[in-house]
Amino acid sequence: MHPMYPYYSYEMKCENKPITFPPQHQAQQPGLEYLMVPAPISDNPDYVGSGKLQGKVAIITGGDSGIGRAVAIGFAKEGADVVLVYLNEHQDAQATADMVAKYGRQALPIAGDLRDEAFSAEVVRRSLECFGRIDVLILNQAVQFPQESILNISSEQLEDTFRTNIFPHFYMTKAALPHLKPGSAIINTASVTAYAGAPLLVDYSSTKGAIVSFTRSLSLQLVDKGIRVNAVAPGPIWTPLIVSSYSADYVRSFGLETPMKRAGQPFELAPAYIYLASDDASFVTGQVLHVNGGIISET
């Protein structure tokens, strides 16, 4: 069994045994990873880096926890320094920075609201002041507010979801692009919901569909600059977003709908981001990698 997560073992993964979670709910987003039981698994102790990202610098939005934390750890193992952009989850962000330091790399946490375009410029400015370069941009921030009917999606919720989930992709790309060079990579976090839909997440799914189109269109615009643009579309993953958006009863069975009968752990996403950021993916742009436990979706 995993030392940080006694409910989860390699055998359980391989044997397709259902894995469930204790019911829990956090009152508001963004959720806090340090309060989750069990804690998500961000670090695969068996993953050994080989210098795929040596000397590179990556900005990771939503970098304090969940998928962002796992990507930061994976990038550190591969030799990259990271900028952790987050809203206000200071304890989680510091824990992620400490994990990055454990693997000999530097993390720069920056707190602020990505819904404000000016903050993106500040992130880029501070990143350059600290590291002198930007090589990879990971756009991973998101909120979701489940509603049983579109009639319950207020104009305020609709605007908040779009301003959080897709607007910063434009803001951060515009701010960082002048500093990216041939060989740089932009990687967006889409979702299985962009392909399979989700009845409780009409507005969230719509933003994830927008991210897929953003990825494909921007990749065509930047290909002549030698900058690759790709995305990862996760299925259900055990992150703070889940416990801060769904009811405690829903969390109890979260992920059981996948063919693998379980939710994924954040560390299982990190290699996809590492691949897309590295020279291993030098002939890959405009693509979406699906890491979703076997859910069949149109690509």
Protein backbone atom coordinates (compact mmCIF):
# COMPACT_ATOMS: atom_id res chain seq x y z
CA MET A 1 0.00 0.00 0.00
CA HIS A 2 1.04 3.57 -0.56
CA PRO A 3 2.66 4.93 2.65
CA MET A 4 0.59 8.14 2.52
CA TYR A 5 -2.70 6.49 1.65
CA PRO A 6 -3.50 3.14 3.33
CA TYR A 7 -6.77 2.82 1.37
CA TYR A 8 -4.93 2.69 -1.96
CA SER A 9 -2.57 0.05 -3.26
CA TYR A 10 -0.95 -1.01 -6.51
CA GLU A 11 -2.89 -4.26 -6.29
CA MET A 12 -6.18 -2.40 -6.01
CA LYS A 13 -5.31 -0.43 -9.14
CA CYS A 14 -4.39 -3.50 -11.13
CA GLU A 15 -7.29 -5.66 -9.96
CA ASN A 16 -9.90 -3.03 -10.78
CA LYS A 17 -11.32 -3.10 -7.28
CA PRO A 18 -13.68 -0.23 -6.44
CA ILE A 19 -12.09 2.49 -4.32
CA THR A 20 -14.37 4.81 -2.36
CA PHE A 21 -13.81 7.85 -0.15
CA PRO A 22 -15.15 8.88 3.25
CA PRO A 23 -18.02 11.38 2.83
CA GLN A 24 -16.81 14.96 3.30
CA HIS A 25 -17.55 18.46 2.11
CA GLN A 26 -15.73 21.79 2.35
CA ALA A 27 -17.92 24.88 2.50
CA GLN A 28 -16.38 26.95 -0.28
CA GLN A 29 -13.97 26.97 -3.17
CA PRO A 30 -11.07 26.85 -3.52
CA GLY A 31 -10.84 23.70 -1.45
CA LEU A 32 -7.98 22.99 0.90
CA GLU A 33 -5.95 19.85 0.34
CA TYR A 34 -4.60 19.67 3.89
CA LEU A 35 -8.15 19.09 5.16
CA MET A 36 -8.94 16.17 2.84
CA VAL A 37 -9.23 12.61 4.17
CA PRO A 38 -7.45 10.72 2.78
CA ALA A 39 -4.97 13.20 1.35
CA PRO A 40 -4.55 13.07 -2.42
CA ILE A 41 -1.37 11.36 -3.60
CA SER A 42 0.78 13.97 -5.31
CA ASP A 43 4.13 12.22 -5.42
CA ASN A 44 4.91 8.82 -6.88
CA PRO A 45 7.95 7.63 -4.91
CA ASP A 46 8.80 5.19 -7.71
CA TYR A 47 9.09 7.95 -10.33
CA VAL A 48 12.73 8.89 -10.92
CA GLY A 49 13.48 11.87 -13.12
CA SER A 50 15.95 11.76 -16.00
CA GLY A 51 16.55 15.46 -16.65
CA LYS A 52 13.79 15.88 -19.24
CA LEU A 53 13.15 19.46 -18.06
CA GLN A 54 16.60 20.31 -16.71
CA GLY A 55 17.09 24.04 -16.22
CA LYS A 56 13.61 24.99 -17.41
CA VAL A 57 11.10 27.23 -15.63
CA ALA A 58 7.38 26.49 -15.56
CA ILE A 59 4.48 28.64 -14.43
CA ILE A 60 1.68 26.49 -13.02
CA THR A 61 -1.68 28.06 -12.29
CA GLY A 62 -3.64 26.24 -9.61
CA GLY A 63 -0.21 25.09 -8.50
CA ASP A 64 -0.89 24.92 -4.79
CA SER A 65 -2.67 21.55 -4.73
CA GLY A 66 -4.32 18.76 -6.68
CA ILE A 67 -3.10 18.25 -10.24
CA GLY A 68 -1.01 21.43 -10.05
CA ARG A 69 0.90 20.14 -7.03
CA ALA A 70 1.58 16.78 -8.69
CA VAL A 71 2.82 18.52 -11.84
CA ALA A 72 5.10 20.78 -9.78
CA ILE A 73 6.62 17.76 -8.04
CA GLY A 74 7.07 15.87 -11.30
CA PHE A 75 8.66 18.88 -12.97
CA ALA A 76 11.03 19.31 -10.03
CA LYS A 77 12.11 15.68 -10.33
CA GLU A 78 12.86 16.37 -14.00
CA GLY A 79 15.00 19.41 -13.16
CA ALA A 80 12.64 22.37 -13.52
CA ASP A 81 12.00 25.31 -11.22
CA VAL A 82 8.34 26.26 -10.84
CA VAL A 83 6.11 29.24 -10.18
CA LEU A 84 3.04 28.28 -8.16
CA VAL A 85 0.13 30.59 -8.92
CA TYR A 86 -2.85 30.27 -6.58
CA LEU A 87 -5.69 32.30 -5.05
CA ASN A 88 -5.40 32.19 -1.25
CA GLU A 89 -4.56 28.60 -0.23
CA HIS A 90 -1.33 29.64 1.48
CA GLN A 91 -0.75 26.51 3.57
CA ASP A 92 -1.22 24.22 0.59
CA ALA A 93 1.05 26.37 -1.57
CA GLN A 94 3.81 26.33 1.01
CA ALA A 95 3.54 22.55 1.34
CA THR A 96 3.94 22.23 -2.43
CA ALA A 97 6.95 24.57 -2.41
CA ASP A 98 8.50 22.42 0.33
CA MET A 99 7.98 19.28 -1.77
CA VAL A 100 9.65 20.95 -4.75
CA ALA A 101 12.60 21.96 -2.56
CA LYS A 102 12.87 18.36 -1.36
CA TYR A 103 13.85 17.44 -4.92
CA GLY A 104 16.45 20.19 -5.19
CA ARG A 105 14.52 22.77 -7.19
CA GLN A 106 13.08 26.17 -6.36
CA ALA A 107 9.40 27.12 -6.18
CA LEU A 108 8.07 30.66 -6.22
CA PRO A 109 4.52 30.87 -4.77
CA ILE A 110 2.46 33.84 -6.01
CA ALA A 111 -1.02 34.49 -4.61
CA GLY A 112 -3.64 36.48 -6.48
CA ASP A 113 -6.80 36.46 -8.54
CA LEU A 114 -6.34 35.31 -12.14
CA ARG A 115 -9.74 36.74 -13.03
CA ASP A 116 -7.94 40.11 -12.98
CA GLU A 117 -5.91 40.50 -16.17
CA ALA A 118 -3.35 42.73 -14.47
CA PHE A 119 -2.40 39.89 -12.13
CA SER A 120 -1.17 37.80 -15.08
CA ALA A 121 1.31 40.53 -15.97
CA GLU A 122 2.47 40.56 -12.35
CA VAL A 123 2.98 36.78 -12.39
CA VAL A 124 5.14 37.00 -15.49
CA ARG A 125 7.12 39.96 -14.15
CA ARG A 126 7.87 38.24 -10.84
CA SER A 127 8.72 34.97 -12.57
CA LEU A 128 11.28 36.73 -14.76
CA GLU A 129 12.70 38.64 -11.81
CA CYS A 130 13.23 35.38 -9.91
CA PHE A 131 14.29 32.98 -12.65
CA GLY A 132 15.10 35.09 -15.72
CA ARG A 133 13.15 32.92 -18.13
CA ILE A 134 9.85 31.13 -18.81
CA ASP A 135 9.80 27.86 -20.76
CA VAL A 136 6.51 26.18 -19.90
CA LEU A 137 3.07 27.57 -19.12
CA ILE A 138 0.62 25.23 -17.37
CA LEU A 139 -2.92 26.65 -17.27
CA ASN A 140 -4.75 24.58 -14.69
CA GLN A 141 -7.01 26.82 -12.53
CA ALA A 142 -10.70 25.98 -12.28
CA VAL A 143 -13.92 26.18 -10.29
CA GLN A 144 -17.15 24.23 -10.63
CA PHE A 145 -20.58 24.69 -9.07
CA PRO A 146 -22.85 21.68 -9.73
CA GLN A 147 -26.48 22.49 -10.51
CA GLU A 148 -29.24 20.03 -11.32
CA SER A 149 -30.86 22.43 -13.79
CA ILE A 150 -29.59 25.16 -16.09
CA LEU A 151 -32.39 27.23 -14.56
CA ASN A 152 -30.35 27.30 -11.34
CA ILE A 153 -27.20 28.69 -12.98
CA SER A 154 -27.25 32.36 -12.10
CA SER A 155 -25.61 35.00 -14.25
CA GLU A 156 -23.14 35.51 -11.39
CA GLN A 157 -22.19 31.81 -11.37
CA LEU A 158 -21.92 31.72 -15.15
CA GLU A 159 -19.60 34.71 -15.23
CA ASP A 160 -17.49 33.44 -12.32
CA THR A 161 -17.03 30.03 -13.97
CA PHE A 162 -15.96 31.48 -17.29
CA ARG A 163 -13.81 34.22 -15.76
CA THR A 164 -11.96 31.64 -13.69
CA ASN A 165 -11.72 28.70 -16.07
CA ILE A 166 -11.01 30.22 -19.49
CA PHE A 167 -10.34 33.98 -19.31
CA PRO A 168 -6.97 33.48 -17.55
CA HIS A 169 -5.85 31.25 -20.43
CA PHE A 170 -5.98 34.35 -22.60
CA TYR A 171 -4.55 36.68 -19.95
CA MET A 172 -1.61 34.44 -18.99
CA THR A 173 -0.78 33.53 -22.58
CA LYS A 174 -0.77 37.18 -23.65
CA ALA A 175 1.50 38.10 -20.75
CA ALA A 176 3.92 35.20 -21.15
CA LEU A 177 4.09 34.88 -24.95
CA PRO A 178 6.65 37.66 -25.56
CA HIS A 179 9.04 35.75 -23.30
CA LEU A 180 8.56 32.26 -24.73
CA LYS A 181 11.09 30.93 -27.21
CA PRO A 182 11.13 28.14 -29.80
CA GLY A 183 10.84 24.88 -27.88
CA SER A 184 8.55 26.37 -25.25
CA ALA A 185 5.28 24.65 -24.41
CA ILE A 186 1.82 25.69 -23.27
CA ILE A 187 -0.26 22.95 -21.62
CA ASN A 188 -3.91 23.44 -20.71
CA THR A 189 -6.03 21.38 -18.35
CA ALA A 190 -9.24 20.46 -20.14
CA SER A 191 -11.59 17.72 -18.88
CA VAL A 192 -13.39 14.56 -19.90
CA THR A 193 -16.56 16.64 -19.48
CA ALA A 194 -15.66 18.57 -22.64
CA TYR A 195 -16.20 15.32 -24.58
CA ALA A 196 -18.63 13.23 -22.53
CA GLY A 197 -20.65 16.06 -20.99
CA ALA A 198 -21.78 16.25 -17.36
CA PRO A 199 -25.42 16.91 -16.43
CA LEU A 200 -24.53 18.68 -13.18
CA LEU A 201 -21.77 20.79 -14.75
CA VAL A 202 -23.21 22.49 -17.82
CA ASP A 203 -21.27 25.74 -17.36
CA TYR A 204 -18.04 24.03 -16.24
CA SER A 205 -18.17 21.60 -19.15
CA SER A 206 -18.70 24.50 -21.52
CA THR A 207 -15.52 26.19 -20.30
CA LYS A 208 -13.60 22.95 -20.75
CA GLY A 209 -14.89 22.68 -24.31
CA ALA A 210 -13.67 26.23 -24.83
CA ILE A 211 -10.23 25.17 -23.55
CA VAL A 212 -10.08 22.38 -26.13
CA SER A 213 -10.87 24.85 -28.92
CA PHE A 214 -8.41 27.35 -27.43
CA THR A 215 -5.71 24.66 -27.48
CA ARG A 216 -6.31 23.69 -31.09
CA SER A 217 -6.56 27.25 -32.40
CA LEU A 218 -3.60 28.63 -30.45
CA SER A 219 -1.45 25.69 -31.54
CA LEU A 220 -2.03 26.65 -35.17
CA GLN A 221 -1.24 30.29 -34.45
CA LEU A 222 2.03 29.54 -32.62
CA VAL A 223 3.39 26.60 -34.60
CA ASP A 224 5.55 28.85 -36.78
CA LYS A 225 7.11 30.28 -33.62
CA GLY A 226 8.18 26.80 -32.52
CA ILE A 227 5.87 26.92 -29.51
CA ARG A 228 3.75 23.82 -28.91
CA VAL A 229 0.26 24.01 -27.39
CA ASN A 230 -1.44 20.90 -26.03
CA ALA A 231 -3.86 19.86 -23.31
CA VAL A 232 -4.61 17.09 -20.83
CA ALA A 233 -8.22 16.02 -20.28
CA PRO A 234 -8.50 14.37 -16.86
CA GLY A 235 -11.36 12.19 -15.77
CA PRO A 236 -12.45 12.17 -12.11
CA ILE A 237 -9.39 12.99 -9.98
CA TRP A 238 -9.23 13.18 -6.18
CA THR A 239 -8.51 16.90 -5.61
CA PRO A 240 -9.79 19.75 -3.41
CA LEU A 241 -12.12 20.81 -6.24
CA ILE A 242 -14.19 17.68 -5.60
CA VAL A 243 -14.78 18.05 -1.88
CA SER A 244 -15.43 21.80 -2.21
CA SER A 245 -18.03 21.48 -4.96
CA TYR A 246 -19.93 18.21 -4.37
CA SER A 247 -22.01 17.04 -1.44
CA ALA A 248 -20.54 14.66 1.12
CA ASP A 249 -22.83 11.89 -0.13
CA TYR A 250 -21.70 12.38 -3.74
CA VAL A 251 -18.04 12.22 -2.67
CA ARG A 252 -18.63 8.79 -1.17
CA SER A 253 -18.96 7.22 -4.64
CA PHE A 254 -16.79 9.65 -6.60
CA GLY A 255 -15.03 7.95 -9.53
CA LEU A 256 -16.87 4.65 -9.38
CA GLU A 257 -18.49 5.39 -12.76
CA THR A 258 -15.18 4.88 -14.60
CA PRO A 259 -14.36 1.49 -16.12
CA MET A 260 -11.52 1.28 -13.59
CA LYS A 261 -14.08 1.78 -10.79
CA ARG A 262 -12.09 4.47 -9.05
CA ALA A 263 -11.01 8.08 -9.25
CA GLY A 264 -7.49 8.89 -10.35
CA GLN A 265 -4.83 10.32 -8.08
CA PRO A 266 -3.01 13.55 -9.03
CA PHE A 267 0.35 11.80 -9.43
CA GLU A 268 -1.15 9.72 -12.24
CA LEU A 269 -1.59 12.91 -14.30
CA ALA A 270 1.93 14.33 -13.85
CA PRO A 271 3.70 12.17 -16.49
CA ALA A 272 1.31 13.42 -19.19
CA TYR A 273 2.29 17.03 -18.46
CA ILE A 274 5.98 16.10 -18.28
CA TYR A 275 5.74 14.42 -21.68
CA LEU A 276 4.01 17.39 -23.31
CA ALA A 277 6.51 19.84 -21.79
CA SER A 278 9.58 17.87 -22.83
CA ASP A 279 11.38 17.32 -26.11
CA ASP A 280 9.81 13.85 -26.18
CA ALA A 281 6.72 15.63 -27.54
CA SER A 282 8.59 17.69 -30.13
CA PHE A 283 6.19 16.55 -32.90
CA VAL A 284 3.04 16.97 -30.81
CA THR A 285 0.92 20.12 -30.90
CA GLY A 286 -2.79 20.87 -30.89
CA GLN A 287 -3.51 17.57 -29.15
CA VAL A 288 -5.39 16.47 -26.04
CA LEU A 289 -4.20 13.55 -23.91
CA HIS A 290 -7.03 11.72 -22.16
CA VAL A 291 -6.22 10.41 -18.69
CA ASN A 292 -9.61 9.32 -17.43
CA GLY A 293 -9.73 5.74 -16.15
CA GLY A 294 -11.02 4.26 -19.40
CA ILE A 295 -13.94 6.55 -20.23
CA ILE A 296 -14.39 6.41 -23.99
CA SER A 297 -14.79 9.88 -25.46
CA GLU A 298 -14.56 11.39 -28.91
CA THR A 299 -11.27 13.16 -29.59
